[in-house]
């Protein structure tokens, strides 16, 4: 698994720290919204991110105050953040969910993932929600890497686990784009699927696709630059792939 690399910090801590920093950012954003419920959610999210950062203690400063860095702590914090994600999800979309207009099942799915203009009247809340979901996924990945590292499970390296998860998430995003009625989004979705397949095929050593830092960086960059303007949630797959790129540079 390569739980420790040349930097002396476990891959689990690196991934969880990035997730904690995203949660920290989401909490700050929510604290500047005009809605009291969003502010309260932001405060709690902010506190949870601080607890996790203290538990990770990546710089070796003795301030943990008996907060253990364990898989169950990561899981509990991820579950707590997910609860607030659900609360924040319903705040700007109540009018959409209660709409009397008839919608097909695909339209409902697309609305949930904000491919429509629903919720655009509160962009800071939407952005915080996307960042919060990204932080939840990263903390869960940190939990998985922590468990695999403790059990010395012989599986793919940490970077490959994160990259493969990012590729799978990109396929989910791409499917939602393909289900839309917009031809540009459909084309972008097909491109996203092709890139995700290339990422997945680069992971096994038996397939002669380059699993290297520049290959992962290029695809992660494309997800950010090409796909994000058409699908705001694409920041998640792009960020996950680029976290995998960071892990490669750190020799995980």
C-alpha atoms as a PDB file:
ATOM      1  CA  UNK A   1       0.000   0.000   0.000  1.00  0.00           C
ATOM      2  CA  UNK A   2       2.864   2.395   0.553  1.00  0.00           C
ATOM      3  CA  UNK A   3       1.286   3.815   3.691  1.00  0.00           C
ATOM      4  CA  UNK A   4       4.351   6.025   4.236  1.00  0.00           C
ATOM      5  CA  UNK A   5       6.359   7.745   1.536  1.00  0.00           C
ATOM      6  CA  UNK A   6       9.418   9.952   1.231  1.00  0.00           C
ATOM      7  CA  UNK A   7       7.575  12.724   3.091  1.00  0.00           C
ATOM      8  CA  UNK A   8       7.001  10.545   6.160  1.00  0.00           C
ATOM      9  CA  UNK A   9       3.238  11.136   6.265  1.00  0.00           C
ATOM     10  CA  UNK A  10       0.687   8.449   5.449  1.00  0.00           C
ATOM     11  CA  UNK A  11      -1.378   8.690   2.269  1.00  0.00           C
ATOM     12  CA  UNK A  12      -4.491   8.472   4.422  1.00  0.00           C
ATOM     13  CA  UNK A  13      -3.497  11.637   6.289  1.00  0.00           C
ATOM     14  CA  UNK A  14      -2.711  13.504   3.072  1.00  0.00           C
ATOM     15  CA  UNK A  15      -6.102  12.692   1.532  1.00  0.00           C
ATOM     16  CA  UNK A  16      -8.014  13.303   4.768  1.00  0.00           C
ATOM     17  CA  UNK A  17      -6.213  16.627   5.290  1.00  0.00           C
ATOM     18  CA  UNK A  18      -7.199  17.815   1.817  1.00  0.00           C
ATOM     19  CA  UNK A  19     -10.783  16.784   2.591  1.00  0.00           C
ATOM     20  CA  UNK A  20     -10.663  18.615   5.924  1.00  0.00           C
ATOM     21  CA  UNK A  21      -9.414  21.778   4.210  1.00  0.00           C
ATOM     22  CA  UNK A  22     -12.280  21.614   1.709  1.00  0.00           C
ATOM     23  CA  UNK A  23     -14.730  21.209   4.608  1.00  0.00           C
ATOM     24  CA  UNK A  24     -13.057  24.170   6.313  1.00  0.00           C
ATOM     25  CA  UNK A  25     -13.638  26.239   3.151  1.00  0.00           C
ATOM     26  CA  UNK A  26     -17.269  25.113   2.853  1.00  0.00           C
ATOM     27  CA  UNK A  27     -17.923  26.019   6.489  1.00  0.00           C
ATOM     28  CA  UNK A  28     -16.473  29.500   6.013  1.00  0.00           C
ATOM     29  CA  UNK A  29     -18.568  30.075   2.883  1.00  0.00           C
ATOM     30  CA  UNK A  30     -21.748  29.057   4.672  1.00  0.00           C
ATOM     31  CA  UNK A  31     -21.021  31.396   7.569  1.00  0.00           C
ATOM     32  CA  UNK A  32     -21.232  34.332   5.128  1.00  0.00           C
ATOM     33  CA  UNK A  33     -24.675  33.440   3.786  1.00  0.00           C
ATOM     34  CA  UNK A  34     -27.762  35.446   4.868  1.00  0.00           C
ATOM     35  CA  UNK A  35     -29.682  32.335   5.966  1.00  0.00           C
ATOM     36  CA  UNK A  36     -29.502  31.436   9.676  1.00  0.00           C
ATOM     37  CA  UNK A  37     -29.768  27.686   9.024  1.00  0.00           C
ATOM     38  CA  UNK A  38     -26.862  27.862   6.565  1.00  0.00           C
ATOM     39  CA  UNK A  39     -24.819  29.858   9.078  1.00  0.00           C
ATOM     40  CA  UNK A  40     -25.425  27.297  11.840  1.00  0.00           C
ATOM     41  CA  UNK A  41     -24.536  24.450   9.462  1.00  0.00           C
ATOM     42  CA  UNK A  42     -21.391  26.340   8.484  1.00  0.00           C
ATOM     43  CA  UNK A  43     -20.326  26.730  12.115  1.00  0.00           C
ATOM     44  CA  UNK A  44     -20.721  23.020  12.843  1.00  0.00           C
ATOM     45  CA  UNK A  45     -18.937  22.042   9.596  1.00  0.00           C
ATOM     46  CA  UNK A  46     -16.144  24.460  10.483  1.00  0.00           C
ATOM     47  CA  UNK A  47     -15.763  22.864  13.931  1.00  0.00           C
ATOM     48  CA  UNK A  48     -15.735  19.324  12.490  1.00  0.00           C
ATOM     49  CA  UNK A  49     -13.024  20.302  10.012  1.00  0.00           C
ATOM     50  CA  UNK A  50     -10.898  21.769  12.817  1.00  0.00           C
ATOM     51  CA  UNK A  51     -11.305  18.585  14.875  1.00  0.00           C
ATOM     52  CA  UNK A  52     -10.140  16.498  11.925  1.00  0.00           C
ATOM     53  CA  UNK A  53      -7.186  18.791  11.193  1.00  0.00           C
ATOM     54  CA  UNK A  54      -6.103  18.547  14.841  1.00  0.00           C
ATOM     55  CA  UNK A  55      -6.477  14.746  14.765  1.00  0.00           C
ATOM     56  CA  UNK A  56      -4.390  14.467  11.590  1.00  0.00           C
ATOM     57  CA  UNK A  57      -1.605  16.543  13.185  1.00  0.00           C
ATOM     58  CA  UNK A  58       0.405  16.396   9.976  1.00  0.00           C
ATOM     59  CA  UNK A  59       3.096  18.784  11.247  1.00  0.00           C
ATOM     60  CA  UNK A  60       3.719  16.879  14.483  1.00  0.00           C
ATOM     61  CA  UNK A  61       2.609  19.693  16.787  1.00  0.00           C
ATOM     62  CA  UNK A  62       1.435  18.316  20.141  1.00  0.00           C
ATOM     63  CA  UNK A  63      -2.079  19.832  20.186  1.00  0.00           C
ATOM     64  CA  UNK A  64      -4.226  16.780  19.569  1.00  0.00           C
ATOM     65  CA  UNK A  65      -5.711  16.777  23.081  1.00  0.00           C
ATOM     66  CA  UNK A  66      -6.409  13.037  22.931  1.00  0.00           C
ATOM     67  CA  UNK A  67      -8.231  13.227  19.581  1.00  0.00           C
ATOM     68  CA  UNK A  68      -7.220   9.930  17.944  1.00  0.00           C
ATOM     69  CA  UNK A  69      -6.609   9.652  14.225  1.00  0.00           C
ATOM     70  CA  UNK A  70      -8.572   6.446  13.609  1.00  0.00           C
ATOM     71  CA  UNK A  71     -10.723   5.134  10.784  1.00  0.00           C
ATOM     72  CA  UNK A  72     -13.869   5.391  12.889  1.00  0.00           C
ATOM     73  CA  UNK A  73     -13.230   9.094  13.574  1.00  0.00           C
ATOM     74  CA  UNK A  74     -12.902   9.715   9.840  1.00  0.00           C
ATOM     75  CA  UNK A  75     -16.099   7.788   9.209  1.00  0.00           C
ATOM     76  CA  UNK A  76     -18.040   9.623  11.929  1.00  0.00           C
ATOM     77  CA  UNK A  77     -16.935  13.031  10.637  1.00  0.00           C
ATOM     78  CA  UNK A  78     -17.802  12.046   7.056  1.00  0.00           C
ATOM     79  CA  UNK A  79     -21.271  10.912   8.184  1.00  0.00           C
ATOM     80  CA  UNK A  80     -21.742  14.131  10.155  1.00  0.00           C
ATOM     81  CA  UNK A  81     -20.773  16.235   7.146  1.00  0.00           C
ATOM     82  CA  UNK A  82     -23.116  14.198   4.957  1.00  0.00           C
ATOM     83  CA  UNK A  83     -26.045  14.991   7.265  1.00  0.00           C
ATOM     84  CA  UNK A  84     -25.344  18.694   6.833  1.00  0.00           C
ATOM     85  CA  UNK A  85     -24.960  18.170   3.094  1.00  0.00           C
ATOM     86  CA  UNK A  86     -28.492  16.745   2.994  1.00  0.00           C
ATOM     87  CA  UNK A  87     -29.795  19.712   5.004  1.00  0.00           C
ATOM     88  CA  UNK A  88     -28.078  22.160   2.671  1.00  0.00           C
ATOM     89  CA  UNK A  89     -29.324  20.265  -0.363  1.00  0.00           C
ATOM     90  CA  UNK A  90     -32.964  20.827   0.532  1.00  0.00           C
ATOM     91  CA  UNK A  91     -32.626  24.514   1.461  1.00  0.00           C
ATOM     92  CA  UNK A  92     -32.330  26.028  -2.038  1.00  0.00           C
ATOM     93  CA  UNK A  93     -34.350  23.357  -3.841  1.00  0.00           C
ATOM     94  CA  UNK A  94     -37.572  23.273  -1.832  1.00  0.00           C
ATOM     95  CA  UNK A  95     -39.382  25.273  -4.507  1.00  0.00           C
ATOM     96  CA  UNK A  96     -38.119  22.888  -7.175  1.00  0.00           C
ATOM     97  CA  UNK A  97     -39.099  19.753  -5.304  1.00  0.00           C
ATOM     98  CA  UNK A  98     -42.559  21.151  -4.549  1.00  0.00           C
ATOM     99  CA  UNK A  99     -43.118  22.401  -8.087  1.00  0.00           C
ATOM    100  CA  UNK A 100     -46.412  21.426  -9.673  1.00  0.00           C
ATOM    101  CA  UNK A 101     -44.810  21.235 -13.097  1.00  0.00           C
ATOM    102  CA  UNK A 102     -44.662  17.726 -14.486  1.00  0.00           C
ATOM    103  CA  UNK A 103     -41.148  16.379 -14.772  1.00  0.00           C
ATOM    104  CA  UNK A 104     -39.785  13.105 -16.036  1.00  0.00           C
ATOM    105  CA  UNK A 105     -37.450  10.934 -13.992  1.00  0.00           C
ATOM    106  CA  UNK A 106     -34.403  12.157 -15.938  1.00  0.00           C
ATOM    107  CA  UNK A 107     -35.412  15.789 -15.366  1.00  0.00           C
ATOM    108  CA  UNK A 108     -35.618  15.134 -11.628  1.00  0.00           C
ATOM    109  CA  UNK A 109     -32.157  13.538 -11.605  1.00  0.00           C
ATOM    110  CA  UNK A 110     -30.693  16.445 -13.545  1.00  0.00           C
ATOM    111  CA  UNK A 111     -32.299  18.954 -11.168  1.00  0.00           C
ATOM    112  CA  UNK A 112     -30.821  17.174  -8.164  1.00  0.00           C
ATOM    113  CA  UNK A 113     -27.340  17.550  -9.629  1.00  0.00           C
ATOM    114  CA  UNK A 114     -28.002  21.157 -10.664  1.00  0.00           C
ATOM    115  CA  UNK A 115     -27.713  20.748 -14.402  1.00  0.00           C
ATOM    116  CA  UNK A 116     -30.697  23.084 -14.583  1.00  0.00           C
ATOM    117  CA  UNK A 117     -30.775  26.628 -13.265  1.00  0.00           C
ATOM    118  CA  UNK A 118     -32.440  25.504 -10.025  1.00  0.00           C
ATOM    119  CA  UNK A 119     -30.899  27.079  -6.979  1.00  0.00           C
ATOM    120  CA  UNK A 120     -28.868  29.586  -8.978  1.00  0.00           C
ATOM    121  CA  UNK A 121     -30.280  32.392  -6.835  1.00  0.00           C
ATOM    122  CA  UNK A 122     -27.962  31.275  -4.019  1.00  0.00           C
ATOM    123  CA  UNK A 123     -24.640  30.528  -5.793  1.00  0.00           C
ATOM    124  CA  UNK A 124     -22.562  30.706  -2.608  1.00  0.00           C
ATOM    125  CA  UNK A 125     -24.752  27.986  -1.068  1.00  0.00           C
ATOM    126  CA  UNK A 126     -24.456  25.826  -4.172  1.00  0.00           C
ATOM    127  CA  UNK A 127     -20.664  26.241  -4.255  1.00  0.00           C
ATOM    128  CA  UNK A 128     -20.416  25.353  -0.561  1.00  0.00           C
ATOM    129  CA  UNK A 129     -22.516  22.250  -1.186  1.00  0.00           C
ATOM    130  CA  UNK A 130     -20.243  21.064  -4.015  1.00  0.00           C
ATOM    131  CA  UNK A 131     -17.109  21.665  -1.919  1.00  0.00           C
ATOM    132  CA  UNK A 132     -18.706  19.881   1.040  1.00  0.00           C
ATOM    133  CA  UNK A 133     -19.537  16.816  -1.056  1.00  0.00           C
ATOM    134  CA  UNK A 134     -15.946  16.751  -2.320  1.00  0.00           C
ATOM    135  CA  UNK A 135     -14.634  16.906   1.254  1.00  0.00           C
ATOM    136  CA  UNK A 136     -16.908  14.028   2.288  1.00  0.00           C
ATOM    137  CA  UNK A 137     -15.614  11.834  -0.541  1.00  0.00           C
ATOM    138  CA  UNK A 138     -11.987  12.632   0.291  1.00  0.00           C
ATOM    139  CA  UNK A 139     -12.457  11.905   4.001  1.00  0.00           C
ATOM    140  CA  UNK A 140     -14.095   8.574   3.141  1.00  0.00           C
ATOM    141  CA  UNK A 141     -11.156   7.782   0.855  1.00  0.00           C
ATOM    142  CA  UNK A 142      -8.823   8.686   3.723  1.00  0.00           C
ATOM    143  CA  UNK A 143     -10.763   6.253   5.908  1.00  0.00           C
ATOM    144  CA  UNK A 144     -10.432   3.484   3.296  1.00  0.00           C
ATOM    145  CA  UNK A 145      -6.684   4.077   2.933  1.00  0.00           C
ATOM    146  CA  UNK A 146      -6.318   4.066   6.724  1.00  0.00           C
ATOM    147  CA  UNK A 147      -8.041   0.672   7.020  1.00  0.00           C
ATOM    148  CA  UNK A 148      -6.061  -0.839   4.143  1.00  0.00           C
ATOM    149  CA  UNK A 149      -2.815   0.484   5.594  1.00  0.00           C
ATOM    150  CA  UNK A 150      -3.504  -0.965   9.043  1.00  0.00           C
ATOM    151  CA  UNK A 151      -4.335  -4.366   7.582  1.00  0.00           C
ATOM    152  CA  UNK A 152      -1.356  -4.311   5.170  1.00  0.00           C
ATOM    153  CA  UNK A 153      -3.760  -5.216   2.397  1.00  0.00           C
ATOM    154  CA  UNK A 154      -1.906  -5.846  -0.847  1.00  0.00           C
ATOM    155  CA  UNK A 155      -3.931  -3.860  -3.343  1.00  0.00           C
ATOM    156  CA  UNK A 156      -3.214  -1.038  -5.737  1.00  0.00           C
ATOM    157  CA  UNK A 157      -1.122   1.868  -4.479  1.00  0.00           C
ATOM    158  CA  UNK A 158      -2.897   4.716  -2.710  1.00  0.00           C
ATOM    159  CA  UNK A 159      -2.687   7.010  -5.732  1.00  0.00           C
ATOM    160  CA  UNK A 160      -4.272   4.376  -7.970  1.00  0.00           C
ATOM    161  CA  UNK A 161      -7.142   3.880  -5.524  1.00  0.00           C
ATOM    162  CA  UNK A 162      -7.873   7.611  -5.481  1.00  0.00           C
ATOM    163  CA  UNK A 163      -7.523   7.975  -9.264  1.00  0.00           C
ATOM    164  CA  UNK A 164      -9.806   5.000  -9.935  1.00  0.00           C
ATOM    165  CA  UNK A 165     -12.411   6.459  -7.587  1.00  0.00           C
ATOM    166  CA  UNK A 166     -12.137   9.791  -9.404  1.00  0.00           C
ATOM    167  CA  UNK A 167     -12.597   8.027 -12.745  1.00  0.00           C
ATOM    168  CA  UNK A 168     -15.701   6.207 -11.481  1.00  0.00           C
ATOM    169  CA  UNK A 169     -17.136   9.483 -10.190  1.00  0.00           C
ATOM    170  CA  UNK A 170     -16.421  11.080 -13.577  1.00  0.00           C
ATOM    171  CA  UNK A 171     -18.442   8.327 -15.253  1.00  0.00           C
ATOM    172  CA  UNK A 172     -21.389   9.106 -12.946  1.00  0.00           C
ATOM    173  CA  UNK A 173     -21.138  12.785 -13.856  1.00  0.00           C
ATOM    174  CA  UNK A 174     -20.824  11.914 -17.542  1.00  0.00           C
ATOM    175  CA  UNK A 175     -23.952   9.735 -17.478  1.00  0.00           C
ATOM    176  CA  UNK A 176     -25.931  12.634 -16.005  1.00  0.00           C
ATOM    177  CA  UNK A 177     -24.625  14.892 -18.767  1.00  0.00           C
ATOM    178  CA  UNK A 178     -25.530  12.346 -21.457  1.00  0.00           C
ATOM    179  CA  UNK A 179     -29.064  12.087 -20.023  1.00  0.00           C
ATOM    180  CA  UNK A 180     -29.591  15.814 -20.557  1.00  0.00           C
ATOM    181  CA  UNK A 181     -31.340  17.188 -23.635  1.00  0.00           C
ATOM    182  CA  UNK A 182     -28.492  19.549 -24.517  1.00  0.00           C
ATOM    183  CA  UNK A 183     -26.283  18.352 -27.370  1.00  0.00           C
ATOM    184  CA  UNK A 184     -23.185  20.145 -26.028  1.00  0.00           C
ATOM    185  CA  UNK A 185     -23.554  18.482 -22.619  1.00  0.00           C
ATOM    186  CA  UNK A 186     -24.036  15.101 -24.286  1.00  0.00           C
ATOM    187  CA  UNK A 187     -20.791  15.520 -26.258  1.00  0.00           C
ATOM    188  CA  UNK A 188     -18.947  16.674 -23.134  1.00  0.00           C
ATOM    189  CA  UNK A 189     -20.336  13.647 -21.268  1.00  0.00           C
ATOM    190  CA  UNK A 190     -19.016  11.283 -23.947  1.00  0.00           C
ATOM    191  CA  UNK A 191     -15.576  12.922 -23.724  1.00  0.00           C
ATOM    192  CA  UNK A 192     -15.669  12.512 -19.929  1.00  0.00           C
ATOM    193  CA  UNK A 193     -16.445   8.791 -20.275  1.00  0.00           C
ATOM    194  CA  UNK A 194     -13.575   8.267 -22.723  1.00  0.00           C
ATOM    195  CA  UNK A 195     -11.134  10.042 -20.385  1.00  0.00           C
ATOM    196  CA  UNK A 196     -12.385   8.020 -17.403  1.00  0.00           C
ATOM    197  CA  UNK A 197     -11.895   4.771 -19.324  1.00  0.00           C
ATOM    198  CA  UNK A 198      -8.345   5.831 -20.203  1.00  0.00           C
ATOM    199  CA  UNK A 199      -7.685   6.503 -16.515  1.00  0.00           C
ATOM    200  CA  UNK A 200      -9.030   3.104 -15.490  1.00  0.00           C
ATOM    201  CA  UNK A 201      -7.054   1.313 -18.212  1.00  0.00           C
ATOM    202  CA  UNK A 202      -3.843   3.036 -17.118  1.00  0.00           C
ATOM    203  CA  UNK A 203      -4.043   1.499 -13.640  1.00  0.00           C
ATOM    204  CA  UNK A 204      -3.294  -2.209 -14.352  1.00  0.00           C
ATOM    205  CA  UNK A 205       0.389  -2.767 -15.112  1.00  0.00           C
ATOM    206  CA  UNK A 206      -0.530  -5.268 -17.845  1.00  0.00           C
ATOM    207  CA  UNK A 207      -2.047  -2.538 -20.048  1.00  0.00           C
ATOM    208  CA  UNK A 208       0.453  -0.320 -21.827  1.00  0.00           C
ATOM    209  CA  UNK A 209      -1.095   3.036 -20.971  1.00  0.00           C
ATOM    210  CA  UNK A 210       1.164   5.435 -19.055  1.00  0.00           C
ATOM    211  CA  UNK A 211       0.209   5.675 -15.409  1.00  0.00           C
ATOM    212  CA  UNK A 212       2.443   8.648 -14.706  1.00  0.00           C
ATOM    213  CA  UNK A 213       2.120  12.073 -13.139  1.00  0.00           C
ATOM    214  CA  UNK A 214       1.815  13.931 -16.463  1.00  0.00           C
ATOM    215  CA  UNK A 215      -0.924  11.624 -17.782  1.00  0.00           C
ATOM    216  CA  UNK A 216      -3.012  11.980 -14.604  1.00  0.00           C
ATOM    217  CA  UNK A 217      -2.370  15.736 -14.495  1.00  0.00           C
ATOM    218  CA  UNK A 218      -3.537  16.255 -18.085  1.00  0.00           C
ATOM    219  CA  UNK A 219      -6.813  14.385 -17.593  1.00  0.00           C
ATOM    220  CA  UNK A 220      -7.503  16.072 -14.250  1.00  0.00           C
ATOM    221  CA  UNK A 221      -6.821  19.453 -15.875  1.00  0.00           C
ATOM    222  CA  UNK A 222      -9.197  18.642 -18.746  1.00  0.00           C
ATOM    223  CA  UNK A 223     -11.947  17.739 -16.280  1.00  0.00           C
ATOM    224  CA  UNK A 224     -11.536  21.114 -14.616  1.00  0.00           C
ATOM    225  CA  UNK A 225     -11.186  23.296 -17.731  1.00  0.00           C
ATOM    226  CA  UNK A 226     -13.351  21.493 -20.297  1.00  0.00           C
ATOM    227  CA  UNK A 227     -16.129  19.943 -18.247  1.00  0.00           C
ATOM    228  CA  UNK A 228     -16.673  22.230 -15.254  1.00  0.00           C
ATOM    229  CA  UNK A 229     -18.211  25.120 -17.280  1.00  0.00           C
ATOM    230  CA  UNK A 230     -20.989  22.760 -18.390  1.00  0.00           C
ATOM    231  CA  UNK A 231     -21.424  20.796 -15.188  1.00  0.00           C
ATOM    232  CA  UNK A 232     -20.470  22.417 -11.887  1.00  0.00           C
ATOM    233  CA  UNK A 233     -20.123  19.083 -10.102  1.00  0.00           C
ATOM    234  CA  UNK A 234     -17.247  18.156 -12.407  1.00  0.00           C
ATOM    235  CA  UNK A 235     -14.963  19.925  -9.963  1.00  0.00           C
ATOM    236  CA  UNK A 236     -15.328  16.767  -7.870  1.00  0.00           C
ATOM    237  CA  UNK A 237     -13.968  14.283 -10.410  1.00  0.00           C
ATOM    238  CA  UNK A 238     -11.269  16.744 -11.458  1.00  0.00           C
ATOM    239  CA  UNK A 239     -10.213  17.333  -7.860  1.00  0.00           C
ATOM    240  CA  UNK A 240     -10.140  13.603  -7.065  1.00  0.00           C
ATOM    241  CA  UNK A 241      -7.938  12.888 -10.083  1.00  0.00           C
ATOM    242  CA  UNK A 242      -5.601  15.755  -9.172  1.00  0.00           C
ATOM    243  CA  UNK A 243      -5.350  14.459  -5.600  1.00  0.00           C
ATOM    244  CA  UNK A 244      -4.184  11.210  -7.158  1.00  0.00           C
ATOM    245  CA  UNK A 245      -1.617  13.259  -9.084  1.00  0.00           C
ATOM    246  CA  UNK A 246      -0.376  14.787  -5.805  1.00  0.00           C
ATOM    247  CA  UNK A 247      -0.048  11.303  -4.295  1.00  0.00           C
ATOM    248  CA  UNK A 248       2.044  10.179  -7.276  1.00  0.00           C
ATOM    249  CA  UNK A 249       4.410  13.102  -6.730  1.00  0.00           C
ATOM    250  CA  UNK A 250       4.665  12.101  -3.058  1.00  0.00           C
ATOM    251  CA  UNK A 251       5.638   8.528  -4.108  1.00  0.00           C
ATOM    252  CA  UNK A 252       2.474   6.806  -2.892  1.00  0.00           C
END
